[in-house]
C-alpha atoms as a PDB file:
ATOM      1  CA  MET A   1      31.229 -35.912 -79.011  1.00  0.00           C
ATOM      2  CA  LYS A   2      28.506 -33.306 -79.105  1.00  0.00           C
ATOM      3  CA  GLU A   3      25.543 -34.531 -81.161  1.00  0.00           C
ATOM      4  CA  ILE A   4      23.886 -32.420 -83.844  1.00  0.00           C
ATOM      5  CA  TYR A   5      20.114 -32.124 -83.883  1.00  0.00           C
ATOM      6  CA  LEU A   6      17.790 -30.093 -86.065  1.00  0.00           C
ATOM      7  CA  PRO A   7      14.596 -29.521 -84.095  1.00  0.00           C
ATOM      8  CA  LEU A   8      12.279 -27.081 -85.838  1.00  0.00           C
ATOM      9  CA  HIS A   9      12.520 -23.734 -84.042  1.00  0.00           C
ATOM     10  CA  HIS A  10      10.693 -20.541 -84.925  1.00  0.00           C
ATOM     11  CA  GLY A  11      11.718 -16.995 -84.079  1.00  0.00           C
ATOM     12  CA  LYS A  12      14.802 -14.909 -84.828  1.00  0.00           C
ATOM     13  CA  ALA A  13      18.307 -14.618 -83.483  1.00  0.00           C
ATOM     14  CA  PRO A  14      18.850 -11.452 -81.414  1.00  0.00           C
ATOM     15  CA  TYR A  15      20.449  -8.501 -83.225  1.00  0.00           C
ATOM     16  CA  TRP A  16      23.391  -8.325 -80.821  1.00  0.00           C
ATOM     17  CA  LEU A  17      24.291 -11.919 -81.731  1.00  0.00           C
ATOM     18  CA  LEU A  18      23.847 -11.396 -85.473  1.00  0.00           C
ATOM     19  CA  ASN A  19      26.050  -8.298 -85.416  1.00  0.00           C
ATOM     20  CA  ARG A  20      28.744 -10.157 -83.498  1.00  0.00           C
ATOM     21  CA  MET A  21      28.627 -13.121 -85.892  1.00  0.00           C
ATOM     22  CA  LYS A  22      28.940 -10.810 -88.914  1.00  0.00           C
ATOM     23  CA  LYS A  23      31.918  -9.058 -87.331  1.00  0.00           C
ATOM     24  CA  LEU A  24      33.725 -12.366 -86.737  1.00  0.00           C
ATOM     25  CA  ALA A  25      32.707 -13.995 -90.032  1.00  0.00           C
ATOM     26  CA  LYS A  26      34.354 -11.545 -92.385  1.00  0.00           C
ATOM     27  CA  PRO A  27      38.010 -11.967 -91.281  1.00  0.00           C
ATOM     28  CA  ILE A  28      37.622 -15.748 -90.976  1.00  0.00           C
ATOM     29  CA  VAL A  29      36.066 -16.089 -94.425  1.00  0.00           C
ATOM     30  CA  LYS A  30      38.608 -13.694 -95.904  1.00  0.00           C
ATOM     31  CA  LEU A  31      41.496 -15.758 -94.588  1.00  0.00           C
ATOM     32  CA  ILE A  32      40.040 -19.035 -95.895  1.00  0.00           C
ATOM     33  CA  VAL A  33      39.498 -17.530 -99.347  1.00  0.00           C
ATOM     34  CA  MET A  34      42.974 -15.963 -99.449  1.00  0.00           C
ATOM     35  CA  GLU A  35      44.738 -19.122 -98.280  1.00  0.00           C
ATOM     36  CA  TYR A  36      42.732 -21.807-100.073  1.00  0.00           C
ATOM     37  CA  GLY A  37      40.735 -20.106-102.815  1.00  0.00           C
ATOM     38  CA  GLU A  38      37.094 -19.478-103.594  1.00  0.00           C
ATOM     39  CA  ARG A  39      36.246 -22.997-104.758  1.00  0.00           C
ATOM     40  CA  GLU A  40      37.725 -24.520-101.603  1.00  0.00           C
ATOM     41  CA  PHE A  41      35.524 -22.264 -99.496  1.00  0.00           C
ATOM     42  CA  LEU A  42      32.457 -23.508-101.381  1.00  0.00           C
ATOM     43  CA  GLU A  43      33.670 -27.093-100.916  1.00  0.00           C
ATOM     44  CA  ARG A  44      33.915 -26.458 -97.190  1.00  0.00           C
ATOM     45  CA  LEU A  45      30.395 -25.053 -96.994  1.00  0.00           C
ATOM     46  CA  SER A  46      29.054 -28.112 -98.808  1.00  0.00           C
ATOM     47  CA  ASN A  47      30.290 -30.231 -95.894  1.00  0.00           C
ATOM     48  CA  PRO A  48      27.571 -30.367 -93.175  1.00  0.00           C
ATOM     49  CA  ILE A  49      30.090 -30.767 -90.364  1.00  0.00           C
ATOM     50  CA  PHE A  50      32.116 -27.740 -91.456  1.00  0.00           C
ATOM     51  CA  PHE A  51      28.937 -25.682 -91.830  1.00  0.00           C
ATOM     52  CA  GLN A  52      27.866 -26.611 -88.293  1.00  0.00           C
ATOM     53  CA  SER A  53      31.354 -25.953 -86.967  1.00  0.00           C
ATOM     54  CA  LEU A  54      31.520 -22.498 -88.570  1.00  0.00           C
ATOM     55  CA  SER A  55      28.171 -21.609 -87.017  1.00  0.00           C
ATOM     56  CA  ASN A  56      29.388 -22.668 -83.564  1.00  0.00           C
ATOM     57  CA  VAL A  57      32.693 -20.832 -83.952  1.00  0.00           C
ATOM     58  CA  LEU A  58      30.863 -17.612 -84.808  1.00  0.00           C
ATOM     59  CA  GLY A  59      28.784 -17.904 -81.656  1.00  0.00           C
ATOM     60  CA  PHE A  60      25.536 -19.592 -82.695  1.00  0.00           C
ATOM     61  CA  ASP A  61      25.804 -22.554 -80.310  1.00  0.00           C
ATOM     62  CA  TRP A  62      22.275 -23.921 -80.553  1.00  0.00           C
ATOM     63  CA  ASN A  63      21.691 -27.075 -82.547  1.00  0.00           C
ATOM     64  CA  SER A  64      18.437 -26.256 -84.283  1.00  0.00           C
ATOM     65  CA  SER A  65      16.929 -25.386 -87.626  1.00  0.00           C
ATOM     66  CA  GLY A  66      18.034 -21.804 -86.955  1.00  0.00           C
ATOM     67  CA  VAL A  67      21.682 -22.705 -87.618  1.00  0.00           C
ATOM     68  CA  THR A  68      20.954 -22.826 -91.350  1.00  0.00           C
ATOM     69  CA  THR A  69      18.980 -19.619 -91.650  1.00  0.00           C
ATOM     70  CA  VAL A  70      21.175 -17.574 -89.311  1.00  0.00           C
ATOM     71  CA  LEU A  71      24.519 -18.637 -90.780  1.00  0.00           C
ATOM     72  CA  THR A  72      23.240 -18.092 -94.330  1.00  0.00           C
ATOM     73  CA  GLY A  73      22.209 -14.561 -93.400  1.00  0.00           C
ATOM     74  CA  VAL A  74      25.587 -13.922 -91.803  1.00  0.00           C
ATOM     75  CA  LEU A  75      27.413 -15.191 -94.899  1.00  0.00           C
ATOM     76  CA  LYS A  76      25.294 -12.958 -97.139  1.00  0.00           C
ATOM     77  CA  ALA A  77      26.361  -9.950 -95.084  1.00  0.00           C
ATOM     78  CA  ALA A  78      30.029 -10.997 -95.124  1.00  0.00           C
ATOM     79  CA  LEU A  79      30.276 -12.008 -98.791  1.00  0.00           C
ATOM     80  CA  ASN A  80      27.921  -9.778-100.768  1.00  0.00           C
ATOM     81  CA  ASN A  81      30.306  -6.891-101.227  1.00  0.00           C
ATOM     82  CA  GLU A  82      33.090  -5.842-103.579  1.00  0.00           C
ATOM     83  CA  GLU A  83      35.899  -7.478-101.594  1.00  0.00           C
ATOM     84  CA  PHE A  84      35.068 -11.111-102.414  1.00  0.00           C
ATOM     85  CA  ASP A  85      34.094 -12.728-105.707  1.00  0.00           C
ATOM     86  CA  ILE A  86      31.642 -14.934-103.829  1.00  0.00           C
ATOM     87  CA  ARG A  87      27.945 -14.188-103.544  1.00  0.00           C
ATOM     88  CA  VAL A  88      24.990 -15.667-101.664  1.00  0.00           C
ATOM     89  CA  ALA A  89      21.448 -15.450-103.023  1.00  0.00           C
ATOM     90  CA  GLY A  90      18.230 -16.584-101.374  1.00  0.00           C
ATOM     91  CA  GLY A  91      17.435 -17.520 -97.812  1.00  0.00           C
ATOM     92  CA  LYS A  92      14.356 -18.375 -95.791  1.00  0.00           C
ATOM     93  CA  GLY A  93      10.718 -18.063 -96.867  1.00  0.00           C
ATOM     94  CA  LYS A  94      10.145 -14.897 -98.892  1.00  0.00           C
ATOM     95  CA  ASN A  95      13.881 -14.461 -99.391  1.00  0.00           C
ATOM     96  CA  ALA A  96      13.997 -17.869-101.070  1.00  0.00           C
ATOM     97  CA  LEU A  97      11.385 -16.687-103.580  1.00  0.00           C
ATOM     98  CA  LYS A  98      13.626 -13.731-104.448  1.00  0.00           C
ATOM     99  CA  THR A  99      16.553 -15.991-105.343  1.00  0.00           C
ATOM    100  CA  PRO A 100      16.335 -15.611-109.167  1.00  0.00           C
ATOM    101  CA  GLU A 101      16.183 -11.821-108.900  1.00  0.00           C
ATOM    102  CA  GLU A 102      19.115 -11.739-106.480  1.00  0.00           C
ATOM    103  CA  ILE A 103      21.151 -14.118-108.631  1.00  0.00           C
ATOM    104  CA  MET A 104      20.806 -11.931-111.713  1.00  0.00           C
ATOM    105  CA  LYS A 105      21.809  -8.799-109.800  1.00  0.00           C
ATOM    106  CA  LEU A 106      24.750 -10.376-107.971  1.00  0.00           C
ATOM    107  CA  SER A 107      25.970 -12.217-111.080  1.00  0.00           C
ATOM    108  CA  GLU A 108      26.552  -8.922-112.856  1.00  0.00           C
ATOM    109  CA  GLU A 109      28.818  -7.780-110.028  1.00  0.00           C
ATOM    110  CA  ILE A 110      31.260 -10.684-110.408  1.00  0.00           C
ATOM    111  CA  GLY A 111      30.774 -11.722-114.038  1.00  0.00           C
ATOM    112  CA  ALA A 112      28.935 -14.994-113.367  1.00  0.00           C
ATOM    113  CA  ASN A 113      26.434 -16.618-115.740  1.00  0.00           C
ATOM    114  CA  GLY A 114      23.188 -15.510-114.129  1.00  0.00           C
ATOM    115  CA  GLU A 115      20.853 -17.457-116.407  1.00  0.00           C
ATOM    116  CA  ARG A 116      22.697 -20.712-115.761  1.00  0.00           C
ATOM    117  CA  LEU A 117      22.652 -20.074-112.016  1.00  0.00           C
ATOM    118  CA  VAL A 118      18.902 -19.384-112.044  1.00  0.00           C
ATOM    119  CA  GLU A 119      18.312 -22.663-113.875  1.00  0.00           C
ATOM    120  CA  PHE A 120      20.504 -24.483-111.343  1.00  0.00           C
ATOM    121  CA  SER A 121      18.617 -22.816-108.503  1.00  0.00           C
ATOM    122  CA  ARG A 122      15.237 -23.920-109.863  1.00  0.00           C
ATOM    123  CA  LEU A 123      16.439 -27.452-110.544  1.00  0.00           C
ATOM    124  CA  ALA A 124      18.007 -27.863-107.087  1.00  0.00           C
ATOM    125  CA  ALA A 125      14.840 -26.654-105.368  1.00  0.00           C
ATOM    126  CA  LYS A 126      12.615 -29.016-107.373  1.00  0.00           C
ATOM    127  CA  ALA A 127      15.054 -31.891-106.860  1.00  0.00           C
ATOM    128  CA  ASP A 128      15.014 -31.809-103.057  1.00  0.00           C
ATOM    129  CA  ASN A 129      11.322 -30.968-102.925  1.00  0.00           C
ATOM    130  CA  ALA A 130       9.899 -33.325-105.547  1.00  0.00           C
ATOM    131  CA  ALA A 131      12.515 -35.827-106.754  1.00  0.00           C
ATOM    132  CA  LEU A 132      13.587 -36.702-103.195  1.00  0.00           C
ATOM    133  CA  ILE A 133      10.304 -37.302-101.382  1.00  0.00           C
ATOM    134  CA  ASP A 134      11.267 -37.761 -97.730  1.00  0.00           C
ATOM    135  CA  GLY A 135       8.477 -36.011 -95.830  1.00  0.00           C
ATOM    136  CA  TYR A 136      10.218 -32.629 -95.653  1.00  0.00           C
ATOM    137  CA  SER A 137       9.095 -29.521 -97.542  1.00  0.00           C
ATOM    138  CA  LEU A 138      11.678 -26.886 -98.448  1.00  0.00           C
ATOM    139  CA  TYR A 139      11.436 -23.482 -96.824  1.00  0.00           C
ATOM    140  CA  HIS A 140      15.063 -22.362 -97.101  1.00  0.00           C
ATOM    141  CA  HIS A 141      17.078 -22.147-100.317  1.00  0.00           C
ATOM    142  CA  ALA A 142      20.446 -20.444-100.763  1.00  0.00           C
ATOM    143  CA  VAL A 143      22.778 -20.527-103.765  1.00  0.00           C
ATOM    144  CA  ILE A 144      26.447 -19.733-103.082  1.00  0.00           C
ATOM    145  CA  PHE A 145      28.470 -18.974-106.193  1.00  0.00           C
ATOM    146  CA  THR A 146      31.641 -17.542-107.711  1.00  0.00           C
ATOM    147  CA  PRO A 147      32.196 -16.585-111.363  1.00  0.00           C
ATOM    148  CA  LYS A 148      32.937 -20.256-112.138  1.00  0.00           C
ATOM    149  CA  HIS A 149      31.486 -22.467-109.408  1.00  0.00           C
ATOM    150  CA  PHE A 150      28.297 -22.856-107.418  1.00  0.00           C
ATOM    151  CA  THR A 151      26.560 -24.937-104.779  1.00  0.00           C
ATOM    152  CA  VAL A 152      23.288 -24.827-102.863  1.00  0.00           C
ATOM    153  CA  ILE A 153      22.285 -25.315 -99.235  1.00  0.00           C
ATOM    154  CA  GLN A 154      18.624 -26.017 -98.591  1.00  0.00           C
ATOM    155  CA  GLN A 155      16.490 -26.901 -95.608  1.00  0.00           C
ATOM    156  CA  GLY A 156      13.151 -28.645 -95.348  1.00  0.00           C
ATOM    157  CA  MET A 157      10.700 -29.048 -92.503  1.00  0.00           C
ATOM    158  CA  SER A 158       8.359 -31.741 -91.285  1.00  0.00           C
ATOM    159  CA  GLU A 159       5.553 -30.095 -89.350  1.00  0.00           C
ATOM    160  CA  THR A 160       4.274 -33.452 -88.054  1.00  0.00           C
ATOM    161  CA  GLU A 161       7.699 -34.480 -86.692  1.00  0.00           C
ATOM    162  CA  ARG A 162       8.665 -30.922 -85.685  1.00  0.00           C
ATOM    163  CA  LEU A 163      12.042 -31.506 -87.307  1.00  0.00           C
ATOM    164  CA  ALA A 164      14.156 -30.008 -90.064  1.00  0.00           C
ATOM    165  CA  ARG A 165      16.797 -31.483 -92.358  1.00  0.00           C
ATOM    166  CA  ARG A 166      19.503 -29.684 -94.278  1.00  0.00           C
ATOM    167  CA  TYR A 167      20.646 -30.572 -97.794  1.00  0.00           C
ATOM    168  CA  HIS A 168      24.232 -29.762 -98.834  1.00  0.00           C
ATOM    169  CA  TRP A 169      24.960 -30.135-102.559  1.00  0.00           C
ATOM    170  CA  ASN A 170      28.306 -30.783-104.194  1.00  0.00           C
ATOM    171  CA  VAL A 171      30.153 -27.911-105.895  1.00  0.00           C
ATOM    172  CA  TYR A 172      29.601 -27.640-109.656  1.00  0.00           C
ATOM    173  CA  SER A 173      30.818 -25.600-112.614  1.00  0.00           C
ATOM    174  CA  ASN A 174      27.995 -26.793-114.896  1.00  0.00           C
ATOM    175  CA  ILE A 175      24.399 -27.787-114.242  1.00  0.00           C
ATOM    176  CA  PRO A 176      24.608 -31.420-113.094  1.00  0.00           C
ATOM    177  CA  GLU A 177      22.507 -34.430-113.903  1.00  0.00           C
ATOM    178  CA  LEU A 178      20.351 -35.279-110.925  1.00  0.00           C
ATOM    179  CA  GLU A 179      22.254 -38.227-109.537  1.00  0.00           C
ATOM    180  CA  ASN A 180      24.083 -38.358-106.191  1.00  0.00           C
ATOM    181  CA  VAL A 181      24.165 -34.566-106.006  1.00  0.00           C
ATOM    182  CA  HIS A 182      24.497 -34.249-102.228  1.00  0.00           C
ATOM    183  CA  ASP A 183      27.740 -33.921-100.352  1.00  0.00           C
ATOM    184  CA  GLY A 184      25.713 -34.603 -97.231  1.00  0.00           C
ATOM    185  CA  ILE A 185      22.259 -34.434 -95.699  1.00  0.00           C
ATOM    186  CA  ILE A 186      22.016 -33.718 -91.997  1.00  0.00           C
ATOM    187  CA  THR A 187      18.961 -34.891 -90.118  1.00  0.00           C
ATOM    188  CA  GLU A 188      17.916 -36.103 -86.693  1.00  0.00           C
ATOM    189  CA  LYS A 189      15.817 -38.954 -88.023  1.00  0.00           C
ATOM    190  CA  ARG A 190      16.373 -41.268 -90.978  1.00  0.00           C
ATOM    191  CA  GLU A 191      13.148 -42.131 -92.760  1.00  0.00           C
ATOM    192  CA  LYS A 192      12.316 -45.799 -93.272  1.00  0.00           C
ATOM    193  CA  GLU A 193      11.166 -45.375 -96.850  1.00  0.00           C
ATOM    194  CA  VAL A 194      11.416 -42.495 -99.302  1.00  0.00           C
ATOM    195  CA  VAL A 195      11.124 -41.937-103.033  1.00  0.00           C
ATOM    196  CA  ASN A 196      14.730 -41.211-103.973  1.00  0.00           C
ATOM    197  CA  MET A 197      14.833 -40.367-107.663  1.00  0.00           C
ATOM    198  CA  LEU A 198      18.253 -38.748-107.173  1.00  0.00           C
ATOM    199  CA  SER A 199      19.960 -42.104-106.718  1.00  0.00           C
ATOM    200  CA  GLU A 200      21.832 -44.044-109.375  1.00  0.00           C
ATOM    201  CA  LEU A 201      19.598 -46.977-108.403  1.00  0.00           C
ATOM    202  CA  SER A 202      16.630 -45.016-109.800  1.00  0.00           C
ATOM    203  CA  ARG A 203      18.268 -44.394-113.177  1.00  0.00           C
ATOM    204  CA  ASP A 204      16.103 -46.874-115.097  1.00  0.00           C
ATOM    205  CA  THR A 205      12.959 -45.617-113.394  1.00  0.00           C
ATOM    206  CA  LYS A 206      13.720 -42.021-114.392  1.00  0.00           C
ATOM    207  CA  ARG A 207      14.159 -43.054-118.011  1.00  0.00           C
ATOM    208  CA  LEU A 208      10.891 -44.964-117.887  1.00  0.00           C
ATOM    209  CA  CYS A 209       9.112 -41.964-116.339  1.00  0.00           C
ATOM    210  CA  VAL A 210      10.232 -39.834-119.275  1.00  0.00           C
ATOM    211  CA  ASP A 211       8.926 -42.452-121.726  1.00  0.00           C
ATOM    212  CA  ILE A 212       5.572 -42.635-119.914  1.00  0.00           C
ATOM    213  CA  VAL A 213       5.162 -38.851-120.092  1.00  0.00           C
ATOM    214  CA  ARG A 214       6.265 -38.645-123.731  1.00  0.00           C
ATOM    215  CA  ASP A 215       3.974 -41.366-125.068  1.00  0.00           C
ATOM    216  CA  GLY A 216       0.907 -40.011-123.260  1.00  0.00           C
ATOM    217  CA  SER A 217       0.182 -43.250-121.364  1.00  0.00           C
ATOM    218  CA  PHE A 218       0.474 -41.814-117.852  1.00  0.00           C
ATOM    219  CA  ARG A 219      -3.238 -41.394-117.150  1.00  0.00           C
ATOM    220  CA  LYS A 220      -4.108 -44.866-118.407  1.00  0.00           C
ATOM    221  CA  ASP A 221      -1.236 -46.372-116.415  1.00  0.00           C
ATOM    222  CA  TYR A 222      -2.310 -44.401-113.347  1.00  0.00           C
ATOM    223  CA  GLU A 223      -5.845 -45.817-113.540  1.00  0.00           C
ATOM    224  CA  LYS A 224      -4.342 -49.300-113.770  1.00  0.00           C
ATOM    225  CA  LEU A 225      -2.191 -48.472-110.720  1.00  0.00           C
ATOM    226  CA  VAL A 226      -5.249 -47.385-108.727  1.00  0.00           C
ATOM    227  CA  SER A 227      -7.006 -50.607-109.676  1.00  0.00           C
ATOM    228  CA  VAL A 228      -4.061 -52.757-108.583  1.00  0.00           C
ATOM    229  CA  LEU A 229      -3.347 -50.947-105.317  1.00  0.00           C
ATOM    230  CA  ARG A 230      -6.982 -50.972-104.292  1.00  0.00           C
ATOM    231  CA  TRP A 231      -6.359 -54.463-102.942  1.00  0.00           C
ATOM    232  CA  ARG A 232      -2.922 -53.872-101.451  1.00  0.00           C
ATOM    233  CA  LYS A 233      -2.416 -52.417 -97.992  1.00  0.00           C
ATOM    234  CA  GLY A 234       0.341 -50.003 -97.013  1.00  0.00           C
ATOM    235  CA  LEU A 235       0.783 -48.277-100.374  1.00  0.00           C
ATOM    236  CA  ARG A 236      -0.717 -44.811-100.730  1.00  0.00           C
ATOM    237  CA  VAL A 237      -1.849 -43.759-104.170  1.00  0.00           C
ATOM    238  CA  PRO A 238      -1.291 -40.026-104.792  1.00  0.00           C
ATOM    239  CA  ARG A 239      -4.556 -38.251-105.559  1.00  0.00           C
ATOM    240  CA  LYS A 240      -3.450 -34.646-106.180  1.00  0.00           C
ATOM    241  CA  ILE A 241      -2.360 -34.916-109.775  1.00  0.00           C
ATOM    242  CA  ASP A 242      -2.783 -31.919-112.064  1.00  0.00           C
ATOM    243  CA  TRP A 243      -3.586 -33.572-115.374  1.00  0.00           C
ATOM    244  CA  LYS A 244      -3.337 -30.246-117.189  1.00  0.00           C
ATOM    245  CA  VAL A 245       0.320 -30.091-116.176  1.00  0.00           C
ATOM    246  CA  VAL A 246       0.785 -33.695-117.281  1.00  0.00           C
ATOM    247  CA  GLU A 247      -0.724 -32.777-120.655  1.00  0.00           C
ATOM    248  CA  MET A 248       1.612 -29.802-120.851  1.00  0.00           C
ATOM    249  CA  ALA A 249       4.544 -32.127-120.207  1.00  0.00           C
ATOM    250  CA  TYR A 250       3.362 -34.433-122.979  1.00  0.00           C
ATOM    251  CA  ASN A 251       3.130 -31.509-125.418  1.00  0.00           C
ATOM    252  CA  LEU A 252       6.660 -30.396-124.506  1.00  0.00           C
ATOM    253  CA  GLN A 253       8.055 -33.906-125.120  1.00  0.00           C
ATOM    254  CA  PRO A 254      10.811 -33.689-122.482  1.00  0.00           C
ATOM    255  CA  GLU A 255      13.984 -35.636-123.181  1.00  0.00           C
ATOM    256  CA  ARG A 256      15.295 -35.904-119.614  1.00  0.00           C
ATOM    257  CA  PHE A 257      13.868 -36.363-116.138  1.00  0.00           C
ATOM    258  CA  GLU A 258      15.341 -32.959-115.266  1.00  0.00           C
ATOM    259  CA  ASP A 259      13.195 -31.377-118.006  1.00  0.00           C
ATOM    260  CA  ILE A 260      10.081 -32.847-116.398  1.00  0.00           C
ATOM    261  CA  LEU A 261      10.986 -31.466-112.983  1.00  0.00           C
ATOM    262  CA  LEU A 262      11.445 -27.955-114.350  1.00  0.00           C
ATOM    263  CA  ILE A 263       7.850 -27.850-115.639  1.00  0.00           C
ATOM    264  CA  ARG A 264       5.957 -25.527-113.328  1.00  0.00           C
ATOM    265  CA  GLY A 265       3.343 -27.438-111.336  1.00  0.00           C
ATOM    266  CA  PHE A 266       4.931 -30.861-111.783  1.00  0.00           C
ATOM    267  CA  GLY A 267       5.211 -31.646-108.068  1.00  0.00           C
ATOM    268  CA  LYS A 268       6.024 -34.429-105.637  1.00  0.00           C
ATOM    269  CA  GLU A 269       2.629 -36.172-105.810  1.00  0.00           C
ATOM    270  CA  THR A 270       2.912 -36.518-109.577  1.00  0.00           C
ATOM    271  CA  VAL A 271       6.497 -37.784-109.294  1.00  0.00           C
ATOM    272  CA  ARG A 272       5.409 -40.282-106.639  1.00  0.00           C
ATOM    273  CA  ALA A 273       2.618 -41.509-108.922  1.00  0.00           C
ATOM    274  CA  LEU A 274       5.080 -41.908-111.804  1.00  0.00           C
ATOM    275  CA  ALA A 275       7.469 -43.881-109.586  1.00  0.00           C
ATOM    276  CA  LEU A 276       4.664 -46.178-108.457  1.00  0.00           C
ATOM    277  CA  VAL A 277       3.508 -46.703-112.039  1.00  0.00           C
ATOM    278  CA  ALA A 278       7.058 -47.653-112.996  1.00  0.00           C
ATOM    279  CA  GLU A 279       7.305 -50.111-110.096  1.00  0.00           C
ATOM    280  CA  ILE A 280       3.814 -51.683-110.011  1.00  0.00           C
ATOM    281  CA  VAL A 281       2.782 -51.534-113.647  1.00  0.00           C
ATOM    282  CA  TYR A 282       6.171 -51.933-115.378  1.00  0.00           C
ATOM    283  CA  ASN A 283       8.149 -53.743-112.649  1.00  0.00           C
ATOM    284  CA  THR A 284      10.983 -51.188-112.595  1.00  0.00           C
ATOM    285  CA  GLU A 285      12.121 -50.390-109.060  1.00  0.00           C
ATOM    286  CA  TYR A 286      13.368 -47.086-107.665  1.00  0.00           C
ATOM    287  CA  ASP A 287      15.551 -46.381-104.645  1.00  0.00           C
ATOM    288  CA  LYS A 288      13.551 -46.281-101.402  1.00  0.00           C
ATOM    289  CA  THR A 289      16.443 -45.665 -99.005  1.00  0.00           C
ATOM    290  CA  ASP A 290      16.949 -42.360 -97.226  1.00  0.00           C
ATOM    291  CA  PRO A 291      20.161 -40.779 -98.610  1.00  0.00           C
ATOM    292  CA  ALA A 292      20.875 -38.893 -95.365  1.00  0.00           C
ATOM    293  CA  LYS A 293      24.598 -39.303 -94.647  1.00  0.00           C
ATOM    294  CA  TYR A 294      24.868 -37.624 -91.275  1.00  0.00           C
ATOM    295  CA  CYS A 295      22.305 -38.653 -88.699  1.00  0.00           C
ATOM    296  CA  PHE A 296      23.559 -38.129 -85.174  1.00  0.00           C
ATOM    297  CA  ALA A 297      20.477 -38.767 -83.069  1.00  0.00           C
ATOM    298  CA  VAL A 298      20.067 -42.436 -83.974  1.00  0.00           C
ATOM    299  CA  GLY A 299      23.633 -43.547 -83.636  1.00  0.00           C
ATOM    300  CA  GLY A 300      27.203 -42.598 -84.187  1.00  0.00           C
ATOM    301  CA  LYS A 301      29.396 -43.517 -81.253  1.00  0.00           C
ATOM    302  CA  ASP A 302      28.091 -47.109 -81.236  1.00  0.00           C
ATOM    303  CA  GLY A 303      28.313 -47.394 -85.016  1.00  0.00           C
ATOM    304  CA  VAL A 304      24.542 -47.463 -85.622  1.00  0.00           C
ATOM    305  CA  PRO A 305      23.407 -46.840 -88.303  1.00  0.00           C
ATOM    306  CA  PHE A 306      27.020 -46.073 -89.271  1.00  0.00           C
ATOM    307  CA  PRO A 307      30.176 -44.956 -87.454  1.00  0.00           C
ATOM    308  CA  VAL A 308      30.929 -41.291 -86.987  1.00  0.00           C
ATOM    309  CA  ARG A 309      33.751 -40.194 -89.306  1.00  0.00           C
ATOM    310  CA  MET A 310      36.170 -39.098 -86.612  1.00  0.00           C
ATOM    311  CA  ASP A 311      38.805 -38.272 -89.223  1.00  0.00           C
ATOM    312  CA  ILE A 312      36.471 -35.664 -90.745  1.00  0.00           C
ATOM    313  CA  TYR A 313      35.754 -34.163 -87.332  1.00  0.00           C
ATOM    314  CA  ASP A 314      39.451 -33.985 -86.438  1.00  0.00           C
ATOM    315  CA  GLU A 315      40.367 -32.433 -89.788  1.00  0.00           C
ATOM    316  CA  ILE A 316      37.722 -29.727 -89.493  1.00  0.00           C
ATOM    317  CA  ILE A 317      38.544 -28.950 -85.867  1.00  0.00           C
ATOM    318  CA  GLU A 318      42.213 -28.474 -86.715  1.00  0.00           C
ATOM    319  CA  PHE A 319      41.369 -26.444 -89.816  1.00  0.00           C
ATOM    320  CA  MET A 320      39.130 -24.099 -87.818  1.00  0.00           C
ATOM    321  CA  ARG A 321      41.702 -23.735 -85.035  1.00  0.00           C
ATOM    322  CA  GLU A 322      44.452 -22.703 -87.453  1.00  0.00           C
ATOM    323  CA  THR A 323      42.136 -20.353 -89.320  1.00  0.00           C
ATOM    324  CA  VAL A 324      41.009 -18.593 -86.156  1.00  0.00           C
ATOM    325  CA  LYS A 325      44.594 -18.246 -84.923  1.00  0.00           C
ATOM    326  CA  GLN A 326      45.608 -16.501 -88.148  1.00  0.00           C
ATOM    327  CA  ALA A 327      42.484 -14.382 -88.542  1.00  0.00           C
ATOM    328  CA  GLU A 328      42.794 -10.642 -87.948  1.00  0.00           C
ATOM    329  CA  ILE A 329      40.618 -10.461 -84.859  1.00  0.00           C
ATOM    330  CA  GLY A 330      41.366  -9.470 -81.294  1.00  0.00           C
ATOM    331  CA  ASP A 331      43.092 -11.799 -78.838  1.00  0.00           C
ATOM    332  CA  PHE A 332      40.003 -11.849 -76.622  1.00  0.00           C
ATOM    333  CA  GLU A 333      37.787 -13.020 -79.496  1.00  0.00           C
ATOM    334  CA  LYS A 334      40.370 -15.630 -80.531  1.00  0.00           C
ATOM    335  CA  LYS A 335      40.553 -17.019 -77.011  1.00  0.00           C
ATOM    336  CA  LYS A 336      36.777 -17.257 -76.688  1.00  0.00           C
ATOM    337  CA  ILE A 337      36.365 -18.850 -80.120  1.00  0.00           C
ATOM    338  CA  LEU A 338      39.059 -21.471 -79.463  1.00  0.00           C
ATOM    339  CA  GLU A 339      37.469 -22.305 -76.114  1.00  0.00           C
ATOM    340  CA  ARG A 340      34.076 -22.641 -77.776  1.00  0.00           C
ATOM    341  CA  LEU A 341      35.510 -24.768 -80.581  1.00  0.00           C
ATOM    342  CA  SER A 342      37.034 -27.166 -78.038  1.00  0.00           C
ATOM    343  CA  ARG A 343      33.721 -27.469 -76.169  1.00  0.00           C
ATOM    344  CA  THR A 344      31.632 -27.834 -79.312  1.00  0.00           C
ATOM    345  CA  TRP A 345      32.819 -31.310 -80.245  1.00  0.00           C
ATOM    346  CA  MET A 346      33.429 -32.761 -76.797  1.00  0.00           C
END
């Protein structure tokens, strides 16, 4: 079984490789959409193993952070045309910042609800950057959508660890509540302790956070937190809190945790402080476990920390084999792809 890693790599894929991947991607994607439908294609992309497999099949064999950015770019080239009712907005760095603008433009082409998609895009970015505090900062954000359905694939980096992790969301037709939103998170290293406000185990804490913001007690509770933690080792008190933003949140009187996240400037340090206030001051615990589902560098074959889902691997391998065999590409390309697919997971 070939392991999947996500070391943080800089640089760009060569143009000859990108052009080849785009050439192969279009007939493969077209066949999947024609045979299984647009939603099924989005469901496949939300699976980290399928995403990795598709990248390898198209020729990008390296297991690195570049898999995410390169394959997203290839899919944008293959999908953003009149032939498919599937669009990809966003990407890496500056392209991620252009996501709302791209969504509105591409939504008009296929009759999607652009405003709803922009809201989903903003919420997903804030969720993985501020509501799931795992030591990784987002630098890649891509929304894949049809007229009725949408998902997001994001990637964060840890400069200190020199690693990346990729976040695959479930497929939705409406903006979801922020609870168990990931189909999978692929990472080389599971973190020992995180602030996971996207877990059902943090449901009470999220409600309490909303109450704390609404009643204006956050600053007073924060000062109490600082006083308590002054004598406790191992717990870091966030210092970078923009109290003007907190005041803005109070004035807006948000009704849901999602409303708080969407306030511009309400970032991960403020969320961390709220979570600590809930736990230390009000004795309401939040989920501290890393929600990463696929972590190949710290186990797998030996069942640590969990067994590899061989049934998922086998299903995807067979699916890709049949798709490639039926795709309208040359025999030489088919032969090479099938050989590469066999090597990829051995």
